[in-house]
Amino acid sequence: MGGRLVIVSTTPLRVPLGGGLTDLRAYAERFGGVTVSSTIGASVFVSVLPGVDGRFEVHYAGGFETATRLDEIRHDLVREALRASRMADTPVRLALWVDVAGESGLGTSGAITVGLLQALCTYRGEHLPPEHVAEMAARIEVEVLEGASGYHDPHVCARGGLLRLDYEGSTVRARRIELSAQGRSDFERSLLLFASGRQARTKPSLDLLSAQFDEAVPVLHDIKSLAIELEAALERGDLSRVARCIGDKQHLKMRLPGHFSDPFVEDVVARVEATGASAQIPGGKISGYVLVCCPAGQHDAVRRTLHEMREVPLTLGQLGTRSVVV
């Protein structure tokens, strides 16, 4: 695409509710995984416009790069998204903006990869279905970069909405979880999100999990079963059971090898549960956010007990990745 047109893609982040870690390649290939999650209002934004002087330019939080060749680009996701989009010989200017801090546990890496591919394919004049963009993004993260993720994040961030995803290796099937208007409103109102200020990388945690994978398998089986139970509870509108499934998932994660628990996590979970609500620390590590489900109006009690954390507005999203020409 020539001229001065700018492509801007918007890709939602997500909150995992159940089944997380059963989407990891080792588990999904052997046993098949199941996750339940929803995209949220927070997003990743990617802009693309033609390069200047035959150079790539990449702007992102904490970094700026210029390069004359693709392989000189240090940002792994940008470099491999350009390669997968057949843009290795087409210098462009790219910029990334994210509504949350990095290493958030809210699917930032997956959303960035999806957003890059969505923007770059639009720049090339291609209009790919979201499942195709998701497959490309998952291949980059899981297979090309052997990264700190499974197949989940690209697929939910590309499609958008409240989804059950089933994994047979890299083959992913999506089903929208249908709630009544009242059921959706009640569920969304039951959720709170808090920023803890912590940051941690996912890969070291998942490397430990992989090293002790056989020991983890029985717990991962239980996590998968809980995801199926959670889907049924959501469709029944049983908020009490929904909250219990979300909390039970956290307790199962804390039993896994990896960086999933420490005194901070134990304290936060115990404080939230003392109010009658349930807590989950999203992502494949101890992330920077705490998701809380309040099935019986415990919101103010939770806010008081987590007073040292910053509450973050949380809305459930229905749109997946999309792009516009500015």
Protein backbone atom coordinates (compact mmCIF):
# COMPACT_ATOMS: atom_id res chain seq x y z
CA MET A 1 0.00 0.00 0.00
CA GLY A 2 1.51 3.31 -0.98
CA GLY A 3 0.79 6.89 -0.02
CA ARG A 4 0.46 8.24 3.49
CA LEU A 5 -2.38 6.07 4.73
CA VAL A 6 -2.08 4.77 8.28
CA ILE A 7 -3.43 1.42 9.43
CA VAL A 8 -4.51 1.15 13.08
CA SER A 9 -5.51 -2.15 14.62
CA THR A 10 -7.27 -2.60 17.96
CA THR A 11 -7.01 -5.93 19.78
CA PRO A 12 -8.59 -6.67 23.18
CA LEU A 13 -6.80 -8.08 26.18
CA ARG A 14 -8.42 -10.90 28.14
CA VAL A 15 -9.14 -12.31 31.58
CA PRO A 16 -8.80 -16.08 31.99
CA LEU A 17 -11.56 -17.64 34.06
CA GLY A 18 -10.96 -21.38 33.85
CA GLY A 19 -8.76 -24.00 32.21
CA GLY A 20 -5.65 -21.86 31.80
CA LEU A 21 -2.43 -23.88 31.30
CA THR A 22 -4.29 -26.76 29.61
CA ASP A 23 -3.69 -24.81 26.38
CA LEU A 24 0.07 -25.31 26.68
CA ARG A 25 1.47 -27.33 23.81
CA ALA A 26 2.65 -30.29 25.91
CA TYR A 27 -0.77 -30.78 27.48
CA ALA A 28 -2.94 -29.87 24.48
CA GLU A 29 -1.15 -32.33 22.20
CA ARG A 30 -1.39 -35.27 24.61
CA PHE A 31 -4.71 -34.73 26.35
CA GLY A 32 -6.62 -31.87 24.72
CA GLY A 33 -7.22 -28.67 26.66
CA VAL A 34 -10.24 -26.54 27.51
CA THR A 35 -10.33 -22.89 28.55
CA VAL A 36 -13.07 -20.42 29.45
CA SER A 37 -12.17 -16.73 29.20
CA SER A 38 -13.37 -13.35 28.05
CA THR A 39 -11.88 -10.39 26.29
CA ILE A 40 -12.09 -7.07 28.16
CA GLY A 41 -12.23 -3.37 27.41
CA ALA A 42 -8.46 -2.82 27.71
CA SER A 43 -6.68 -3.18 24.37
CA VAL A 44 -3.49 -3.18 22.33
CA PHE A 45 -3.18 -0.66 19.50
CA VAL A 46 -0.81 -1.04 16.54
CA SER A 47 -0.24 1.56 13.84
CA VAL A 48 1.53 0.94 10.53
CA LEU A 49 2.56 3.45 7.88
CA PRO A 50 5.13 3.42 5.09
CA GLY A 51 8.81 3.50 5.99
CA VAL A 52 11.17 6.40 5.32
CA ASP A 53 14.57 6.06 3.62
CA GLY A 54 14.19 2.29 3.29
CA ARG A 55 14.30 1.67 7.05
CA PHE A 56 12.09 -0.13 9.52
CA GLU A 57 11.10 1.91 12.58
CA VAL A 58 9.56 0.34 15.66
CA HIS A 59 8.21 2.30 18.63
CA TYR A 60 7.04 0.54 21.81
CA ALA A 61 6.97 1.12 25.56
CA GLY A 62 10.53 1.58 26.71
CA GLY A 63 12.08 1.15 23.29
CA PHE A 64 12.70 2.52 19.81
CA GLU A 65 14.47 0.71 16.98
CA THR A 66 15.52 1.40 13.43
CA ALA A 67 16.82 -1.27 11.08
CA THR A 68 17.65 -1.67 7.42
CA ARG A 69 17.08 -5.46 7.48
CA LEU A 70 14.37 -7.50 9.14
CA ASP A 71 16.81 -9.67 11.11
CA GLU A 72 18.23 -6.56 12.79
CA ILE A 73 14.93 -5.91 14.61
CA ARG A 74 15.33 -6.96 18.25
CA HIS A 75 11.63 -7.03 19.19
CA ASP A 76 10.85 -10.69 18.61
CA LEU A 77 7.10 -10.34 18.06
CA VAL A 78 7.51 -7.45 15.61
CA ARG A 79 10.24 -9.22 13.65
CA GLU A 80 8.34 -12.49 13.32
CA ALA A 81 5.01 -10.81 12.57
CA LEU A 82 6.66 -8.93 9.71
CA ARG A 83 8.16 -12.19 8.46
CA ALA A 84 4.84 -14.10 8.71
CA SER A 85 3.06 -11.25 6.90
CA ARG A 86 5.55 -11.43 4.02
CA MET A 87 6.77 -7.92 4.84
CA ALA A 88 10.47 -8.73 5.25
CA ASP A 89 11.37 -6.54 2.29
CA THR A 90 8.82 -3.78 2.90
CA PRO A 91 10.14 -1.25 5.42
CA VAL A 92 7.37 0.28 7.52
CA ARG A 93 6.99 2.41 10.62
CA LEU A 94 5.28 0.53 13.47
CA ALA A 95 4.10 1.75 16.86
CA LEU A 96 2.60 -0.26 19.74
CA TRP A 97 0.47 1.05 22.59
CA VAL A 98 -0.94 -1.12 25.39
CA ASP A 99 -3.54 -0.09 27.96
CA VAL A 100 -1.74 -1.97 30.77
CA ALA A 101 1.85 -2.45 31.88
CA GLY A 102 3.89 -5.27 30.36
CA GLU A 103 4.02 -8.75 31.93
CA SER A 104 0.47 -8.10 33.13
CA GLY A 105 -0.96 -11.62 32.98
CA LEU A 106 -3.82 -10.24 30.85
CA GLY A 107 -2.66 -11.72 27.55
CA THR A 108 -0.53 -8.78 26.43
CA SER A 109 1.93 -10.78 24.33
CA GLY A 110 -0.79 -12.67 22.49
CA ALA A 111 -2.77 -9.50 21.85
CA ILE A 112 0.31 -7.68 20.54
CA THR A 113 1.08 -10.51 18.12
CA VAL A 114 -2.51 -10.63 16.89
CA GLY A 115 -2.63 -6.84 16.58
CA LEU A 116 0.60 -6.73 14.60
CA LEU A 117 -0.60 -9.37 12.15
CA GLN A 118 -4.02 -7.74 11.81
CA ALA A 119 -2.46 -4.36 11.02
CA LEU A 120 0.21 -5.72 8.68
CA CYS A 121 -2.21 -7.89 6.71
CA THR A 122 -4.55 -4.92 6.31
CA TYR A 123 -1.57 -2.85 5.14
CA ARG A 124 -0.96 -5.48 2.46
CA GLY A 125 -4.60 -5.32 1.40
CA GLU A 126 -5.49 -8.71 2.91
CA HIS A 127 -8.59 -9.23 5.02
CA LEU A 128 -8.11 -12.44 6.97
CA PRO A 129 -10.74 -14.05 9.23
CA PRO A 130 -9.90 -13.79 12.95
CA GLU A 131 -9.29 -17.52 13.32
CA HIS A 132 -6.61 -17.34 10.61
CA VAL A 133 -4.93 -14.39 12.31
CA ALA A 134 -5.09 -16.34 15.60
CA GLU A 135 -3.44 -19.39 14.03
CA MET A 136 -0.62 -17.27 12.63
CA ALA A 137 -0.08 -15.54 15.98
CA ALA A 138 -0.12 -18.80 17.94
CA ARG A 139 2.40 -20.32 15.53
CA ILE A 140 4.75 -17.37 16.14
CA GLU A 141 4.46 -17.51 19.93
CA VAL A 142 4.33 -21.25 20.53
CA GLU A 143 6.35 -22.73 17.67
CA VAL A 144 8.63 -20.11 16.12
CA LEU A 145 9.69 -18.36 19.33
CA GLU A 146 8.99 -21.29 21.66
CA GLY A 147 7.65 -18.58 23.90
CA ALA A 148 6.05 -18.20 27.26
CA SER A 149 2.51 -19.01 26.21
CA GLY A 150 0.10 -21.59 24.94
CA TYR A 151 -2.48 -21.42 22.18
CA HIS A 152 -5.09 -19.59 24.26
CA ASP A 153 -4.27 -15.88 24.16
CA PRO A 154 -4.07 -15.34 20.38
CA HIS A 155 -7.32 -17.24 19.83
CA VAL A 156 -9.44 -15.40 22.38
CA CYS A 157 -7.92 -11.98 21.60
CA ALA A 158 -8.47 -12.42 17.86
CA ARG A 159 -12.05 -13.67 18.15
CA GLY A 160 -13.32 -11.62 21.10
CA GLY A 161 -16.12 -12.34 23.54
CA LEU A 162 -16.83 -14.88 26.28
CA LEU A 163 -15.53 -18.14 24.82
CA ARG A 164 -14.94 -21.77 25.51
CA LEU A 165 -11.91 -22.89 23.50
CA ASP A 166 -11.03 -26.55 22.95
CA TYR A 167 -7.47 -27.49 21.99
CA GLU A 168 -6.27 -30.57 20.14
CA GLY A 169 -2.66 -29.57 19.79
CA SER A 170 -2.61 -26.47 17.61
CA THR A 171 -6.15 -27.10 16.34
CA VAL A 172 -8.51 -24.84 18.24
CA ARG A 173 -12.32 -24.87 18.25
CA ALA A 174 -14.24 -21.91 19.66
CA ARG A 175 -17.74 -21.78 21.10
CA ARG A 176 -19.40 -18.62 22.36
CA ILE A 177 -20.90 -19.00 25.82
CA GLU A 178 -24.42 -17.68 25.54
CA LEU A 179 -25.75 -15.73 28.51
CA SER A 180 -29.02 -13.88 28.85
CA ALA A 181 -28.75 -10.10 28.95
CA GLN A 182 -29.43 -10.19 32.70
CA GLY A 183 -27.00 -13.06 33.23
CA ARG A 184 -24.24 -11.23 31.40
CA SER A 185 -24.89 -8.04 33.35
CA ASP A 186 -24.91 -9.88 36.69
CA PHE A 187 -21.67 -11.70 35.86
CA GLU A 188 -19.89 -8.56 34.71
CA ARG A 189 -21.01 -6.67 37.84
CA SER A 190 -19.69 -9.49 40.03
CA LEU A 191 -16.12 -8.97 38.79
CA LEU A 192 -13.45 -6.65 40.15
CA LEU A 193 -9.90 -6.18 38.90
CA PHE A 194 -6.99 -4.80 40.93
CA ALA A 195 -3.45 -3.86 39.90
CA SER A 196 -0.92 -5.15 42.41
CA GLY A 197 2.10 -3.41 40.88
CA ARG A 198 4.02 -6.68 40.57
CA GLN A 199 5.82 -7.69 37.39
CA ALA A 200 7.23 -11.07 36.47
CA ARG A 201 8.15 -12.90 33.29
CA THR A 202 6.04 -15.88 32.30
CA LYS A 203 8.68 -18.02 30.61
CA PRO A 204 10.70 -18.95 33.75
CA SER A 205 7.50 -20.11 35.43
CA LEU A 206 6.40 -22.22 32.47
CA ASP A 207 9.91 -23.63 32.07
CA LEU A 208 9.64 -25.01 35.62
CA LEU A 209 6.22 -26.41 34.84
CA SER A 210 7.55 -28.09 31.70
CA ALA A 211 10.48 -29.59 33.59
CA GLN A 212 8.08 -31.31 36.00
CA PHE A 213 5.26 -31.82 33.53
CA ASP A 214 4.40 -35.42 34.41
CA GLU A 215 3.88 -34.45 38.05
CA ALA A 216 1.64 -31.59 36.95
CA VAL A 217 -0.64 -33.63 34.68
CA PRO A 218 -3.17 -34.74 37.38
CA VAL A 219 -3.61 -31.12 38.51
CA LEU A 220 -4.01 -29.98 34.89
CA HIS A 221 -6.71 -32.63 34.42
CA ASP A 222 -8.56 -31.12 37.39
CA ILE A 223 -8.12 -27.61 35.96
CA LYS A 224 -9.67 -28.78 32.68
CA SER A 225 -12.63 -30.38 34.48
CA LEU A 226 -13.22 -27.13 36.39
CA ALA A 227 -13.34 -25.18 33.11
CA ILE A 228 -16.15 -27.41 31.84
CA GLU A 229 -17.99 -26.99 35.14
CA LEU A 230 -17.50 -23.23 34.96
CA GLU A 231 -19.05 -23.05 31.49
CA ALA A 232 -22.15 -24.88 32.74
CA ALA A 233 -22.41 -22.61 35.81
CA LEU A 234 -22.19 -19.49 33.62
CA GLU A 235 -24.95 -20.71 31.34
CA ARG A 236 -27.16 -21.52 34.37
CA GLY A 237 -26.51 -18.09 35.84
CA ASP A 238 -25.18 -19.72 39.03
CA LEU A 239 -22.85 -16.97 40.23
CA SER A 240 -22.05 -18.76 43.47
CA ARG A 241 -20.71 -21.74 41.56
CA VAL A 242 -18.97 -19.50 39.02
CA ALA A 243 -17.06 -17.81 41.84
CA ARG A 244 -16.18 -21.15 43.41
CA CYS A 245 -14.79 -22.44 40.08
CA ILE A 246 -12.70 -19.29 39.64
CA GLY A 247 -11.31 -19.62 43.16
CA ASP A 248 -10.74 -23.37 42.91
CA LYS A 249 -8.74 -22.80 39.73
CA GLN A 250 -6.42 -20.50 41.68
CA HIS A 251 -5.90 -23.10 44.40
CA LEU A 252 -5.07 -25.73 41.77
CA LYS A 253 -2.55 -23.38 40.12
CA MET A 254 -0.88 -22.88 43.49
CA ARG A 255 -0.18 -26.62 43.60
CA LEU A 256 1.67 -26.63 40.28
CA PRO A 257 5.45 -26.45 39.85
CA GLY A 258 6.35 -22.99 38.63
CA HIS A 259 6.06 -19.43 39.90
CA PHE A 260 2.39 -19.55 40.86
CA SER A 261 2.45 -19.00 44.60
CA ASP A 262 4.33 -17.14 47.30
CA PRO A 263 3.38 -15.43 50.60
CA PHE A 264 1.87 -12.49 48.67
CA VAL A 265 -0.45 -14.77 46.68
CA GLU A 266 -1.43 -16.80 49.72
CA ASP A 267 -2.23 -13.63 51.66
CA VAL A 268 -4.29 -12.02 48.87
CA VAL A 269 -6.30 -15.18 48.22
CA ALA A 270 -6.98 -15.68 51.95
CA ARG A 271 -8.05 -12.05 52.46
CA VAL A 272 -10.44 -12.15 49.50
CA GLU A 273 -11.91 -15.50 50.54
CA ALA A 274 -12.50 -14.16 54.06
CA THR A 275 -15.05 -11.77 52.49
CA GLY A 276 -16.90 -14.63 50.77
CA ALA A 277 -15.53 -13.74 47.32
CA SER A 278 -13.03 -15.66 45.18
CA ALA A 279 -9.71 -14.51 43.73
CA GLN A 280 -7.58 -15.55 40.79
CA ILE A 281 -4.13 -14.27 39.78
CA PRO A 282 -4.32 -14.32 35.96
CA GLY A 283 -1.64 -15.78 33.70
CA GLY A 284 1.13 -18.36 33.78
CA LYS A 285 2.97 -16.73 36.69
CA ILE A 286 2.33 -14.40 39.62
CA SER A 287 1.00 -11.54 37.53
CA GLY A 288 0.41 -7.88 38.20
CA TYR A 289 -3.38 -8.18 38.53
CA VAL A 290 -5.91 -9.80 40.83
CA LEU A 291 -9.30 -10.81 39.46
CA VAL A 292 -12.07 -11.14 42.04
CA CYS A 293 -15.57 -12.58 41.65
CA CYS A 294 -18.12 -11.32 44.19
CA PRO A 295 -21.20 -13.57 43.86
CA ALA A 296 -23.19 -11.99 46.68
CA GLY A 297 -22.28 -8.31 46.63
CA GLN A 298 -19.00 -8.43 48.58
CA HIS A 299 -17.53 -5.62 46.46
CA ASP A 300 -17.02 -3.06 49.22
CA ALA A 301 -15.55 -5.64 51.61
CA VAL A 302 -13.09 -6.71 48.89
CA ARG A 303 -12.14 -3.09 48.18
CA ARG A 304 -11.42 -2.58 51.86
CA THR A 305 -9.32 -5.71 52.22
CA LEU A 306 -7.31 -4.92 49.06
CA HIS A 307 -7.05 -1.23 49.91
CA GLU A 308 -3.35 -1.09 49.03
CA MET A 309 -4.07 -2.04 45.40
CA ARG A 310 -5.43 0.14 42.60
CA GLU A 311 -8.83 -0.91 41.30
CA VAL A 312 -8.97 -1.04 37.50
CA PRO A 313 -12.26 -0.57 35.59
CA LEU A 314 -13.30 -3.90 34.09
CA THR A 315 -15.79 -4.44 31.29
CA LEU A 316 -16.22 -7.63 29.30
CA GLY A 317 -15.70 -7.21 25.57
CA GLN A 318 -17.43 -8.79 22.60
CA LEU A 319 -15.29 -7.59 19.69
CA GLY A 320 -12.10 -9.27 18.54
CA THR A 321 -9.23 -7.76 16.60
CA ARG A 322 -10.07 -5.24 13.88
CA SER A 323 -8.35 -2.53 11.90
CA VAL A 324 -9.17 0.75 10.22
CA VAL A 325 -7.53 2.88 7.57
CA VAL A 326 -6.98 6.42 8.79
